[in-house]
């Protein structure tokens, strides 16, 4: 009987990692994900980025789905192929109810290389 009670026990957990930092200009990190119904649209983000950090971000717009656009720090494309970065970013962003929000993304990217050589 004890076993049958266990299969109906459910637990939900939320893990939180909170980071506080100084306000930066522009007020975004590496990436800004713009939901389709967010209070600020892609054109406003483009103007902000162009005024505060000219030529440092690229705005990429999407025709359908809950994400209308992303502003990506262009230097990230030196580290990782554009399509791979965007695919991973969108895959994770779509797990969040993003449609009505602006999501500031801090990307910590580490590249590890292992080579084996004959000696």
PDB file of N, CA and C in Angstrom:
ATOM      1  N   UNK A   1       0.810  -1.196   0.000  1.00  0.00           N
ATOM      2  CA  UNK A   1       0.000   0.000   0.000  1.00  0.00           C
ATOM      3  C   UNK A   1       0.857   1.264   0.000  1.00  0.00           C
ATOM      4  N   UNK A   2       1.942   1.172   0.684  1.00  0.00           N
ATOM      5  CA  UNK A   2       2.833   2.325   0.753  1.00  0.00           C
ATOM      6  C   UNK A   2       3.322   2.721  -0.643  1.00  0.00           C
ATOM      7  N   UNK A   3       3.569   1.751  -1.488  1.00  0.00           N
ATOM      8  CA  UNK A   3       4.047   1.998  -2.843  1.00  0.00           C
ATOM      9  C   UNK A   3       2.997   2.728  -3.682  1.00  0.00           C
ATOM     10  N   UNK A   4       1.731   2.387  -3.533  1.00  0.00           N
ATOM     11  CA  UNK A   4       0.689   3.041  -4.316  1.00  0.00           C
ATOM     12  C   UNK A   4       0.547   4.512  -3.943  1.00  0.00           C
ATOM     13  N   UNK A   5       0.802   4.881  -2.699  1.00  0.00           N
ATOM     14  CA  UNK A   5       0.745   6.285  -2.300  1.00  0.00           C
ATOM     15  C   UNK A   5       1.869   7.092  -2.923  1.00  0.00           C
ATOM     16  N   UNK A   6       3.008   6.474  -3.135  1.00  0.00           N
ATOM     17  CA  UNK A   6       4.173   7.173  -3.699  1.00  0.00           C
ATOM     18  C   UNK A   6       3.947   7.592  -5.144  1.00  0.00           C
ATOM     19  N   UNK A   7       3.226   6.822  -5.900  1.00  0.00           N
ATOM     20  CA  UNK A   7       3.088   7.177  -7.307  1.00  0.00           C
ATOM     21  C   UNK A   7       2.188   8.400  -7.524  1.00  0.00           C
ATOM     22  N   UNK A   8       1.450   8.808  -6.483  1.00  0.00           N
ATOM     23  CA  UNK A   8       0.614   9.997  -6.601  1.00  0.00           C
ATOM     24  C   UNK A   8       1.238  11.232  -5.963  1.00  0.00           C
ATOM     25  N   UNK A   9       2.398  11.087  -5.396  1.00  0.00           N
ATOM     26  CA  UNK A   9       3.086  12.215  -4.793  1.00  0.00           C
ATOM     27  C   UNK A   9       3.804  12.990  -5.897  1.00  0.00           C
ATOM     28  N   UNK A  10       3.547  14.273  -5.937  1.00  0.00           N
ATOM     29  CA  UNK A  10       4.183  15.108  -6.960  1.00  0.00           C
ATOM     30  C   UNK A  10       4.848  16.285  -6.282  1.00  0.00           C
ATOM     31  N   UNK A  11       5.986  16.654  -6.797  1.00  0.00           N
ATOM     32  CA  UNK A  11       6.722  17.800  -6.278  1.00  0.00           C
ATOM     33  C   UNK A  11       7.081  18.707  -7.444  1.00  0.00           C
ATOM     34  N   UNK A  12       7.010  19.981  -7.207  1.00  0.00           N
ATOM     35  CA  UNK A  12       7.458  20.962  -8.189  1.00  0.00           C
ATOM     36  C   UNK A  12       8.504  21.823  -7.503  1.00  0.00           C
ATOM     37  N   UNK A  13       9.562  22.093  -8.205  1.00  0.00           N
ATOM     38  CA  UNK A  13      10.629  22.903  -7.655  1.00  0.00           C
ATOM     39  C   UNK A  13      10.987  23.992  -8.658  1.00  0.00           C
ATOM     40  N   UNK A  14      11.414  25.096  -8.139  1.00  0.00           N
ATOM     41  CA  UNK A  14      11.932  26.172  -8.981  1.00  0.00           C
ATOM     42  C   UNK A  14      13.286  26.562  -8.408  1.00  0.00           C
ATOM     43  N   UNK A  15      14.282  26.569  -9.264  1.00  0.00           N
ATOM     44  CA  UNK A  15      15.612  26.991  -8.847  1.00  0.00           C
ATOM     45  C   UNK A  15      15.830  28.400  -9.371  1.00  0.00           C
ATOM     46  N   UNK A  16      16.287  29.274  -8.496  1.00  0.00           N
ATOM     47  CA  UNK A  16      16.492  30.662  -8.895  1.00  0.00           C
ATOM     48  C   UNK A  16      17.956  31.035  -8.747  1.00  0.00           C
ATOM     49  N   UNK A  17      18.460  31.702  -9.758  1.00  0.00           N
ATOM     50  CA  UNK A  17      19.804  32.257  -9.725  1.00  0.00           C
ATOM     51  C   UNK A  17      19.636  33.737 -10.045  1.00  0.00           C
ATOM     52  N   UNK A  18      19.828  34.593  -9.082  1.00  0.00           N
ATOM     53  CA  UNK A  18      19.599  36.021  -9.269  1.00  0.00           C
ATOM     54  C   UNK A  18      20.942  36.722  -9.380  1.00  0.00           C
ATOM     55  N   UNK A  19      21.084  37.532 -10.431  1.00  0.00           N
ATOM     56  CA  UNK A  19      22.316  38.296 -10.626  1.00  0.00           C
ATOM     57  C   UNK A  19      21.994  39.777 -10.595  1.00  0.00           C
ATOM     58  N   UNK A  20      22.662  40.493  -9.733  1.00  0.00           N
ATOM     59  CA  UNK A  20      22.533  41.936  -9.688  1.00  0.00           C
ATOM     60  C   UNK A  20      23.774  42.531 -10.322  1.00  0.00           C
ATOM     61  N   UNK A  21      23.578  43.563 -11.127  1.00  0.00           N
ATOM     62  CA  UNK A  21      24.722  44.225 -11.739  1.00  0.00           C
ATOM     63  C   UNK A  21      24.378  45.691 -11.965  1.00  0.00           C
ATOM     64  N   UNK A  22      25.392  46.467 -12.247  1.00  0.00           N
ATOM     65  CA  UNK A  22      25.177  47.878 -12.519  1.00  0.00           C
ATOM     66  C   UNK A  22      24.423  48.040 -13.828  1.00  0.00           C
ATOM     67  N   UNK A  23      23.658  49.101 -13.905  1.00  0.00           N
ATOM     68  CA  UNK A  23      22.956  49.442 -15.132  1.00  0.00           C
ATOM     69  C   UNK A  23      23.986  49.740 -16.217  1.00  0.00           C
ATOM     70  N   UNK A  24      23.783  49.190 -17.377  1.00  0.00           N
ATOM     71  CA  UNK A  24      24.731  49.364 -18.476  1.00  0.00           C
ATOM     72  C   UNK A  24      24.055  50.049 -19.648  1.00  0.00           C
ATOM     73  N   UNK A  25      24.842  50.685 -20.458  1.00  0.00           N
ATOM     74  CA  UNK A  25      24.354  51.245 -21.718  1.00  0.00           C
ATOM     75  C   UNK A  25      25.015  50.513 -22.858  1.00  0.00           C
ATOM     76  N   UNK A  26      24.256  49.996 -23.774  1.00  0.00           N
ATOM     77  CA  UNK A  26      22.804  49.953 -23.771  1.00  0.00           C
ATOM     78  C   UNK A  26      22.299  49.017 -22.683  1.00  0.00           C
ATOM     79  N   UNK A  27      21.033  49.178 -22.269  1.00  0.00           N
ATOM     80  CA  UNK A  27      20.493  48.374 -21.173  1.00  0.00           C
ATOM     81  C   UNK A  27      20.174  46.946 -21.610  1.00  0.00           C
ATOM     82  N   UNK A  28      21.165  46.268 -22.083  1.00  0.00           N
ATOM     83  CA  UNK A  28      21.024  44.887 -22.518  1.00  0.00           C
ATOM     84  C   UNK A  28      22.371  44.218 -22.364  1.00  0.00           C
ATOM     85  N   UNK A  29      22.384  42.936 -22.459  1.00  0.00           N
ATOM     86  CA  UNK A  29      23.626  42.195 -22.301  1.00  0.00           C
ATOM     87  C   UNK A  29      24.113  41.787 -23.685  1.00  0.00           C
ATOM     88  N   UNK A  30      24.249  40.509 -23.875  1.00  0.00           N
ATOM     89  CA  UNK A  30      24.743  39.992 -25.142  1.00  0.00           C
ATOM     90  C   UNK A  30      23.631  39.889 -26.181  1.00  0.00           C
ATOM     91  N   UNK A  31      22.429  39.572 -25.697  1.00  0.00           N
ATOM     92  CA  UNK A  31      21.300  39.334 -26.601  1.00  0.00           C
ATOM     93  C   UNK A  31      20.040  39.896 -25.959  1.00  0.00           C
ATOM     94  N   UNK A  32      19.156  40.456 -26.774  1.00  0.00           N
ATOM     95  CA  UNK A  32      17.838  40.875 -26.323  1.00  0.00           C
ATOM     96  C   UNK A  32      16.820  40.164 -27.197  1.00  0.00           C
ATOM     97  N   UNK A  33      15.952  39.371 -26.568  1.00  0.00           N
ATOM     98  CA  UNK A  33      14.900  38.650 -27.297  1.00  0.00           C
ATOM     99  C   UNK A  33      13.627  39.470 -27.162  1.00  0.00           C
ATOM    100  N   UNK A  34      13.009  39.785 -28.296  1.00  0.00           N
ATOM    101  CA  UNK A  34      11.830  40.655 -28.331  1.00  0.00           C
ATOM    102  C   UNK A  34      10.609  39.814 -28.687  1.00  0.00           C
ATOM    103  N   UNK A  35       9.693  39.686 -27.743  1.00  0.00           N
ATOM    104  CA  UNK A  35       8.462  38.951 -27.996  1.00  0.00           C
ATOM    105  C   UNK A  35       7.574  39.691 -28.982  1.00  0.00           C
ATOM    106  N   UNK A  36       6.769  38.946 -29.696  1.00  0.00           N
ATOM    107  CA  UNK A  36       5.923  39.539 -30.740  1.00  0.00           C
ATOM    108  C   UNK A  36       4.980  40.603 -30.183  1.00  0.00           C
ATOM    109  N   UNK A  37       4.522  40.466 -28.951  1.00  0.00           N
ATOM    110  CA  UNK A  37       3.605  41.448 -28.355  1.00  0.00           C
ATOM    111  C   UNK A  37       4.264  42.193 -27.192  1.00  0.00           C
ATOM    112  N   UNK A  38       5.571  42.341 -27.236  1.00  0.00           N
ATOM    113  CA  UNK A  38       6.316  43.049 -26.193  1.00  0.00           C
ATOM    114  C   UNK A  38       5.994  44.542 -26.246  1.00  0.00           C
ATOM    115  N   UNK A  39       6.152  45.245 -25.127  1.00  0.00           N
ATOM    116  CA  UNK A  39       5.837  46.676 -25.103  1.00  0.00           C
ATOM    117  C   UNK A  39       6.757  47.520 -25.986  1.00  0.00           C
ATOM    118  N   UNK A  40       7.941  47.007 -26.295  1.00  0.00           N
ATOM    119  CA  UNK A  40       8.871  47.703 -27.189  1.00  0.00           C
ATOM    120  C   UNK A  40       9.147  46.788 -28.363  1.00  0.00           C
ATOM    121  N   UNK A  41       9.009  47.312 -29.561  1.00  0.00           N
ATOM    122  CA  UNK A  41       9.195  46.499 -30.753  1.00  0.00           C
ATOM    123  C   UNK A  41      10.596  46.595 -31.321  1.00  0.00           C
ATOM    124  N   UNK A  42      10.829  45.864 -32.407  1.00  0.00           N
ATOM    125  CA  UNK A  42      12.161  45.824 -33.015  1.00  0.00           C
ATOM    126  C   UNK A  42      12.682  47.184 -33.481  1.00  0.00           C
ATOM    127  N   UNK A  43      11.802  48.039 -33.981  1.00  0.00           N
ATOM    128  CA  UNK A  43      12.275  49.328 -34.486  1.00  0.00           C
ATOM    129  C   UNK A  43      12.777  50.210 -33.349  1.00  0.00           C
ATOM    130  N   UNK A  44      12.085  50.198 -32.217  1.00  0.00           N
ATOM    131  CA  UNK A  44      12.539  50.967 -31.049  1.00  0.00           C
ATOM    132  C   UNK A  44      13.871  50.414 -30.537  1.00  0.00           C
ATOM    133  N   UNK A  45      14.019  49.096 -30.539  1.00  0.00           N
ATOM    134  CA  UNK A  45      15.279  48.481 -30.113  1.00  0.00           C
ATOM    135  C   UNK A  45      16.388  48.859 -31.081  1.00  0.00           C
ATOM    136  N   UNK A  46      16.097  48.848 -32.370  1.00  0.00           N
ATOM    137  CA  UNK A  46      17.104  49.232 -33.377  1.00  0.00           C
ATOM    138  C   UNK A  46      17.589  50.661 -33.134  1.00  0.00           C
ATOM    139  N   UNK A  47      16.650  51.592 -32.893  1.00  0.00           N
ATOM    140  CA  UNK A  47      17.031  52.992 -32.654  1.00  0.00           C
ATOM    141  C   UNK A  47      17.876  53.123 -31.385  1.00  0.00           C
ATOM    142  N   UNK A  48      17.470  52.401 -30.320  1.00  0.00           N
ATOM    143  CA  UNK A  48      18.214  52.453 -29.070  1.00  0.00           C
ATOM    144  C   UNK A  48      19.635  51.940 -29.267  1.00  0.00           C
ATOM    145  N   UNK A  49      19.764  50.798 -29.911  1.00  0.00           N
ATOM    146  CA  UNK A  49      21.077  50.192 -30.113  1.00  0.00           C
ATOM    147  C   UNK A  49      21.942  51.067 -31.014  1.00  0.00           C
ATOM    148  N   UNK A  50      21.358  51.597 -32.070  1.00  0.00           N
ATOM    149  CA  UNK A  50      22.123  52.463 -32.972  1.00  0.00           C
ATOM    150  C   UNK A  50      22.604  53.729 -32.269  1.00  0.00           C
ATOM    151  N   UNK A  51      21.792  54.250 -31.348  1.00  0.00           N
ATOM    152  CA  UNK A  51      22.167  55.473 -30.644  1.00  0.00           C
ATOM    153  C   UNK A  51      23.201  55.207 -29.554  1.00  0.00           C
ATOM    154  N   UNK A  52      23.061  54.092 -28.821  1.00  0.00           N
ATOM    155  CA  UNK A  52      23.902  53.847 -27.658  1.00  0.00           C
ATOM    156  C   UNK A  52      25.127  52.985 -27.925  1.00  0.00           C
ATOM    157  N   UNK A  53      25.022  52.100 -28.911  1.00  0.00           N
ATOM    158  CA  UNK A  53      26.139  51.187 -29.210  1.00  0.00           C
ATOM    159  C   UNK A  53      26.174  50.927 -30.716  1.00  0.00           C
ATOM    160  N   UNK A  54      26.508  51.948 -31.483  1.00  0.00           N
ATOM    161  CA  UNK A  54      26.477  51.798 -32.937  1.00  0.00           C
ATOM    162  C   UNK A  54      27.380  50.667 -33.434  1.00  0.00           C
ATOM    163  N   UNK A  55      26.829  49.889 -34.342  1.00  0.00           N
ATOM    164  CA  UNK A  55      27.527  48.796 -35.020  1.00  0.00           C
ATOM    165  C   UNK A  55      27.975  47.674 -34.092  1.00  0.00           C
ATOM    166  N   UNK A  56      27.416  47.594 -32.884  1.00  0.00           N
ATOM    167  CA  UNK A  56      27.794  46.521 -31.969  1.00  0.00           C
ATOM    168  C   UNK A  56      26.764  45.392 -31.912  1.00  0.00           C
ATOM    169  N   UNK A  57      25.550  45.652 -32.366  1.00  0.00           N
ATOM    170  CA  UNK A  57      24.479  44.654 -32.329  1.00  0.00           C
ATOM    171  C   UNK A  57      23.842  44.523 -33.699  1.00  0.00           C
ATOM    172  N   UNK A  58      23.349  43.316 -33.966  1.00  0.00           N
ATOM    173  CA  UNK A  58      22.594  43.067 -35.196  1.00  0.00           C
ATOM    174  C   UNK A  58      21.175  42.687 -34.798  1.00  0.00           C
ATOM    175  N   UNK A  59      20.204  43.331 -35.427  1.00  0.00           N
ATOM    176  CA  UNK A  59      18.800  43.013 -35.172  1.00  0.00           C
ATOM    177  C   UNK A  59      18.337  42.011 -36.224  1.00  0.00           C
ATOM    178  N   UNK A  60      17.860  40.872 -35.762  1.00  0.00           N
ATOM    179  CA  UNK A  60      17.398  39.804 -36.656  1.00  0.00           C
ATOM    180  C   UNK A  60      15.911  39.603 -36.398  1.00  0.00           C
ATOM    181  N   UNK A  61      15.098  39.810 -37.430  1.00  0.00           N
ATOM    182  CA  UNK A  61      13.640  39.707 -37.288  1.00  0.00           C
ATOM    183  C   UNK A  61      13.127  38.374 -37.823  1.00  0.00           C
ATOM    184  N   UNK A  62      12.022  37.907 -37.213  1.00  0.00           N
ATOM    185  CA  UNK A  62      11.387  36.648 -37.607  1.00  0.00           C
ATOM    186  C   UNK A  62       9.953  36.930 -38.028  1.00  0.00           C
ATOM    187  N   UNK A  63       9.504  36.287 -39.100  1.00  0.00           N
ATOM    188  CA  UNK A  63       8.185  36.560 -39.652  1.00  0.00           C
ATOM    189  C   UNK A  63       7.048  35.940 -38.859  1.00  0.00           C
ATOM    190  N   UNK A  64       7.305  34.805 -38.202  1.00  0.00           N
ATOM    191  CA  UNK A  64       6.234  34.168 -37.448  1.00  0.00           C
ATOM    192  C   UNK A  64       6.762  33.587 -36.155  1.00  0.00           C
ATOM    193  N   UNK A  65       5.833  33.239 -35.268  1.00  0.00           N
ATOM    194  CA  UNK A  65       6.203  32.687 -33.974  1.00  0.00           C
ATOM    195  C   UNK A  65       6.138  33.737 -32.885  1.00  0.00           C
ATOM    196  N   UNK A  66       6.306  33.333 -31.632  1.00  0.00           N
ATOM    197  CA  UNK A  66       6.200  34.273 -30.511  1.00  0.00           C
ATOM    198  C   UNK A  66       7.380  35.233 -30.385  1.00  0.00           C
ATOM    199  N   UNK A  67       8.509  34.925 -31.027  1.00  0.00           N
ATOM    200  CA  UNK A  67       9.664  35.826 -31.005  1.00  0.00           C
ATOM    201  C   UNK A  67       9.641  36.660 -32.281  1.00  0.00           C
ATOM    202  N   UNK A  68       9.566  37.986 -32.097  1.00  0.00           N
ATOM    203  CA  UNK A  68       9.535  38.870 -33.261  1.00  0.00           C
ATOM    204  C   UNK A  68      10.930  39.191 -33.767  1.00  0.00           C
ATOM    205  N   UNK A  69      11.878  39.329 -32.831  1.00  0.00           N
ATOM    206  CA  UNK A  69      13.239  39.684 -33.234  1.00  0.00           C
ATOM    207  C   UNK A  69      14.206  39.407 -32.087  1.00  0.00           C
ATOM    208  N   UNK A  70      15.477  39.366 -32.438  1.00  0.00           N
ATOM    209  CA  UNK A  70      16.543  39.307 -31.444  1.00  0.00           C
ATOM    210  C   UNK A  70      17.613  40.306 -31.849  1.00  0.00           C
ATOM    211  N   UNK A  71      18.178  40.966 -30.854  1.00  0.00           N
ATOM    212  CA  UNK A  71      19.332  41.839 -31.070  1.00  0.00           C
ATOM    213  C   UNK A  71      20.520  41.103 -30.476  1.00  0.00           C
ATOM    214  N   UNK A  72      21.499  40.807 -31.307  1.00  0.00           N
ATOM    215  CA  UNK A  72      22.637  39.992 -30.891  1.00  0.00           C
ATOM    216  C   UNK A  72      23.914  40.806 -31.015  1.00  0.00           C
ATOM    217  N   UNK A  73      24.748  40.748 -29.990  1.00  0.00           N
ATOM    218  CA  UNK A  73      26.059  41.401 -30.054  1.00  0.00           C
ATOM    219  C   UNK A  73      26.833  40.721 -31.184  1.00  0.00           C
ATOM    220  N   UNK A  74      27.234  41.492 -32.176  1.00  0.00           N
ATOM    221  CA  UNK A  74      27.844  40.921 -33.384  1.00  0.00           C
ATOM    222  C   UNK A  74      29.131  40.167 -33.101  1.00  0.00           C
ATOM    223  N   UNK A  75      29.841  40.518 -32.049  1.00  0.00           N
ATOM    224  CA  UNK A  75      31.091  39.813 -31.745  1.00  0.00           C
ATOM    225  C   UNK A  75      30.854  38.342 -31.412  1.00  0.00           C
ATOM    226  N   UNK A  76      29.638  37.980 -30.990  1.00  0.00           N
ATOM    227  CA  UNK A  76      29.342  36.569 -30.700  1.00  0.00           C
ATOM    228  C   UNK A  76      29.446  35.706 -31.950  1.00  0.00           C
ATOM    229  N   UNK A  77      29.181  36.291 -33.107  1.00  0.00           N
ATOM    230  CA  UNK A  77      29.258  35.530 -34.352  1.00  0.00           C
ATOM    231  C   UNK A  77      30.702  35.214 -34.749  1.00  0.00           C
ATOM    232  N   UNK A  78      31.664  35.852 -34.090  1.00  0.00           N
ATOM    233  CA  UNK A  78      33.069  35.487 -34.299  1.00  0.00           C
ATOM    234  C   UNK A  78      33.411  34.192 -33.576  1.00  0.00           C
ATOM    235  N   UNK A  79      32.627  33.853 -32.560  1.00  0.00           N
ATOM    236  CA  UNK A  79      32.886  32.681 -31.732  1.00  0.00           C
ATOM    237  C   UNK A  79      32.071  31.471 -32.151  1.00  0.00           C
ATOM    238  N   UNK A  80      30.894  31.710 -32.703  1.00  0.00           N
ATOM    239  CA  UNK A  80      29.991  30.617 -33.033  1.00  0.00           C
ATOM    240  C   UNK A  80      29.218  30.965 -34.295  1.00  0.00           C
ATOM    241  N   UNK A  81      28.952  29.958 -35.110  1.00  0.00           N
ATOM    242  CA  UNK A  81      28.201  30.185 -36.345  1.00  0.00           C
ATOM    243  C   UNK A  81      26.831  30.766 -36.026  1.00  0.00           C
ATOM    244  N   UNK A  82      26.420  31.716 -36.830  1.00  0.00           N
ATOM    245  CA  UNK A  82      25.162  32.433 -36.641  1.00  0.00           C
ATOM    246  C   UNK A  82      23.969  31.496 -36.501  1.00  0.00           C
ATOM    247  N   UNK A  83      23.834  30.527 -37.410  1.00  0.00           N
ATOM    248  CA  UNK A  83      22.667  29.637 -37.384  1.00  0.00           C
ATOM    249  C   UNK A  83      22.637  28.762 -36.132  1.00  0.00           C
ATOM    250  N   UNK A  84      23.790  28.318 -35.659  1.00  0.00           N
ATOM    251  CA  UNK A  84      23.840  27.498 -34.442  1.00  0.00           C
ATOM    252  C   UNK A  84      23.439  28.337 -33.233  1.00  0.00           C
ATOM    253  N   UNK A  85      24.000  29.527 -33.121  1.00  0.00           N
ATOM    254  CA  UNK A  85      23.678  30.409 -32.000  1.00  0.00           C
ATOM    255  C   UNK A  85      22.185  30.727 -31.967  1.00  0.00           C
ATOM    256  N   UNK A  86      21.615  31.101 -33.099  1.00  0.00           N
ATOM    257  CA  UNK A  86      20.198  31.441 -33.151  1.00  0.00           C
ATOM    258  C   UNK A  86      19.303  30.232 -32.872  1.00  0.00           C
ATOM    259  N   UNK A  87      19.667  29.069 -33.395  1.00  0.00           N
ATOM    260  CA  UNK A  87      18.868  27.860 -33.145  1.00  0.00           C
ATOM    261  C   UNK A  87      18.808  27.534 -31.655  1.00  0.00           C
ATOM    262  N   UNK A  88      19.954  27.557 -30.981  1.00  0.00           N
ATOM    263  CA  UNK A  88      19.995  27.246 -29.548  1.00  0.00           C
ATOM    264  C   UNK A  88      19.245  28.309 -28.753  1.00  0.00           C
ATOM    265  N   UNK A  89      19.455  29.569 -29.095  1.00  0.00           N
ATOM    266  CA  UNK A  89      18.794  30.666 -28.403  1.00  0.00           C
ATOM    267  C   UNK A  89      17.273  30.555 -28.515  1.00  0.00           C
ATOM    268  N   UNK A  90      16.777  30.350 -29.727  1.00  0.00           N
ATOM    269  CA  UNK A  90      15.333  30.253 -29.924  1.00  0.00           C
ATOM    270  C   UNK A  90      14.750  29.005 -29.264  1.00  0.00           C
ATOM    271  N   UNK A  91      15.474  27.903 -29.321  1.00  0.00           N
ATOM    272  CA  UNK A  91      15.003  26.672 -28.681  1.00  0.00           C
ATOM    273  C   UNK A  91      14.752  26.909 -27.191  1.00  0.00           C
ATOM    274  N   UNK A  92      15.668  27.595 -26.538  1.00  0.00           N
ATOM    275  CA  UNK A  92      15.520  27.847 -25.101  1.00  0.00           C
ATOM    276  C   UNK A  92      14.520  28.966 -24.818  1.00  0.00           C
ATOM    277  N   UNK A  93      14.514  30.014 -25.619  1.00  0.00           N
ATOM    278  CA  UNK A  93      13.588  31.134 -25.399  1.00  0.00           C
ATOM    279  C   UNK A  93      12.139  30.694 -25.572  1.00  0.00           C
ATOM    280  N   UNK A  94      11.893  29.761 -26.466  1.00  0.00           N
ATOM    281  CA  UNK A  94      10.523  29.309 -26.707  1.00  0.00           C
ATOM    282  C   UNK A  94       9.987  28.461 -25.561  1.00  0.00           C
ATOM    283  N   UNK A  95      10.843  28.049 -24.639  1.00  0.00           N
ATOM    284  CA  UNK A  95      10.394  27.306 -23.462  1.00  0.00           C
ATOM    285  C   UNK A  95       9.822  28.246 -22.403  1.00  0.00           C
ATOM    286  N   UNK A  96      10.011  29.542 -22.613  1.00  0.00           N
ATOM    287  CA  UNK A  96       9.517  30.575 -21.705  1.00  0.00           C
ATOM    288  C   UNK A  96       8.364  31.262 -22.423  1.00  0.00           C
ATOM    289  N   UNK A  97       7.393  31.742 -21.683  1.00  0.00           N
ATOM    290  CA  UNK A  97       6.295  32.485 -22.301  1.00  0.00           C
ATOM    291  C   UNK A  97       6.819  33.866 -22.700  1.00  0.00           C
ATOM    292  N   UNK A  98       7.420  33.945 -23.859  1.00  0.00           N
ATOM    293  CA  UNK A  98       8.187  35.111 -24.291  1.00  0.00           C
ATOM    294  C   UNK A  98       7.366  36.138 -25.070  1.00  0.00           C
ATOM    295  N   UNK A  99       6.201  35.774 -25.542  1.00  0.00           N
ATOM    296  CA  UNK A  99       5.483  36.600 -26.512  1.00  0.00           C
ATOM    297  C   UNK A  99       5.253  38.046 -26.070  1.00  0.00           C
ATOM    298  N   UNK A 100       5.013  38.294 -24.790  1.00  0.00           N
ATOM    299  CA  UNK A 100       4.713  39.649 -24.326  1.00  0.00           C
ATOM    300  C   UNK A 100       5.890  40.318 -23.616  1.00  0.00           C
ATOM    301  N   UNK A 101       7.076  39.750 -23.715  1.00  0.00           N
ATOM    302  CA  UNK A 101       8.185  40.273 -22.925  1.00  0.00           C
ATOM    303  C   UNK A 101       9.427  40.591 -23.751  1.00  0.00           C
ATOM    304  N   UNK A 102      10.325  41.296 -23.100  1.00  0.00           N
ATOM    305  CA  UNK A 102      11.689  41.506 -23.586  1.00  0.00           C
ATOM    306  C   UNK A 102      12.572  40.685 -22.664  1.00  0.00           C
ATOM    307  N   UNK A 103      13.412  39.873 -23.232  1.00  0.00           N
ATOM    308  CA  UNK A 103      14.244  38.989 -22.429  1.00  0.00           C
ATOM    309  C   UNK A 103      15.702  39.356 -22.635  1.00  0.00           C
ATOM    310  N   UNK A 104      16.345  39.839 -21.576  1.00  0.00           N
ATOM    311  CA  UNK A 104      17.764  40.187 -21.630  1.00  0.00           C
ATOM    312  C   UNK A 104      18.555  38.916 -21.381  1.00  0.00           C
ATOM    313  N   UNK A 105      19.472  38.593 -22.272  1.00  0.00           N
ATOM    314  CA  UNK A 105      20.210  37.332 -22.196  1.00  0.00           C
ATOM    315  C   UNK A 105      21.695  37.613 -22.012  1.00  0.00           C
ATOM    316  N   UNK A 106      22.268  37.010 -20.989  1.00  0.00           N
ATOM    317  CA  UNK A 106      23.718  37.038 -20.781  1.00  0.00           C
ATOM    318  C   UNK A 106      24.234  35.684 -21.225  1.00  0.00           C
ATOM    319  N   UNK A 107      25.107  35.651 -22.185  1.00  0.00           N
ATOM    320  CA  UNK A 107      25.639  34.407 -22.729  1.00  0.00           C
ATOM    321  C   UNK A 107      27.088  34.242 -22.282  1.00  0.00           C
ATOM    322  N   UNK A 108      27.335  33.229 -21.487  1.00  0.00           N
ATOM    323  CA  UNK A 108      28.702  32.882 -21.113  1.00  0.00           C
ATOM    324  C   UNK A 108      29.132  31.755 -22.040  1.00  0.00           C
ATOM    325  N   UNK A 109      30.032  32.041 -22.925  1.00  0.00           N
ATOM    326  CA  UNK A 109      30.449  31.089 -23.947  1.00  0.00           C
ATOM    327  C   UNK A 109      31.891  30.683 -23.685  1.00  0.00           C
ATOM    328  N   UNK A 110      32.099  29.396 -23.547  1.00  0.00           N
ATOM    329  CA  UNK A 110      33.437  28.850 -23.367  1.00  0.00           C
ATOM    330  C   UNK A 110      33.650  27.794 -24.436  1.00  0.00           C
ATOM    331  N   UNK A 111      34.746  27.886 -25.124  1.00  0.00           N
ATOM    332  CA  UNK A 111      35.074  26.889 -26.141  1.00  0.00           C
ATOM    333  C   UNK A 111      36.201  26.028 -25.598  1.00  0.00           C
ATOM    334  N   UNK A 112      35.957  24.731 -25.598  1.00  0.00           N
ATOM    335  CA  UNK A 112      36.967  23.787 -25.129  1.00  0.00           C
ATOM    336  C   UNK A 112      37.519  23.020 -26.324  1.00  0.00           C
ATOM    337  N   UNK A 113      38.810  22.831 -26.339  1.00  0.00           N
ATOM    338  CA  UNK A 113      39.462  22.114 -27.433  1.00  0.00           C
ATOM    339  C   UNK A 113      40.315  21.001 -26.837  1.00  0.00           C
ATOM    340  N   UNK A 114      40.151  19.832 -27.360  1.00  0.00           N
ATOM    341  CA  UNK A 114      40.982  18.695 -26.974  1.00  0.00           C
ATOM    342  C   UNK A 114      41.576  18.123 -28.250  1.00  0.00           C
ATOM    343  N   UNK A 115      42.878  18.032 -28.294  1.00  0.00           N
ATOM    344  CA  UNK A 115      43.555  17.441 -29.446  1.00  0.00           C
ATOM    345  C   UNK A 115      44.482  16.358 -28.958  1.00  0.00           C
ATOM    346  N   UNK A 116      44.534  15.330 -29.724  1.00  0.00           N
ATOM    347  CA  UNK A 116      45.445  14.247 -29.416  1.00  0.00           C
ATOM    348  C   UNK A 116      46.468  14.196 -30.542  1.00  0.00           C
ATOM    349  N   UNK A 117      47.738  14.134 -30.187  1.00  0.00           N
ATOM    350  CA  UNK A 117      48.808  14.105 -31.180  1.00  0.00           C
ATOM    351  C   UNK A 117      49.714  12.904 -30.912  1.00  0.00           C
ATOM    352  N   UNK A 118      50.301  12.401 -31.971  1.00  0.00           N
ATOM    353  CA  UNK A 118      51.278  11.316 -31.832  1.00  0.00           C
ATOM    354  C   UNK A 118      52.604  11.939 -31.423  1.00  0.00           C
ATOM    355  N   UNK A 119      53.283  11.279 -30.488  1.00  0.00           N
ATOM    356  CA  UNK A 119      54.604  11.785 -30.083  1.00  0.00           C
ATOM    357  C   UNK A 119      55.660  10.716 -30.259  1.00  0.00           C
TER     358      UNK A 119
END
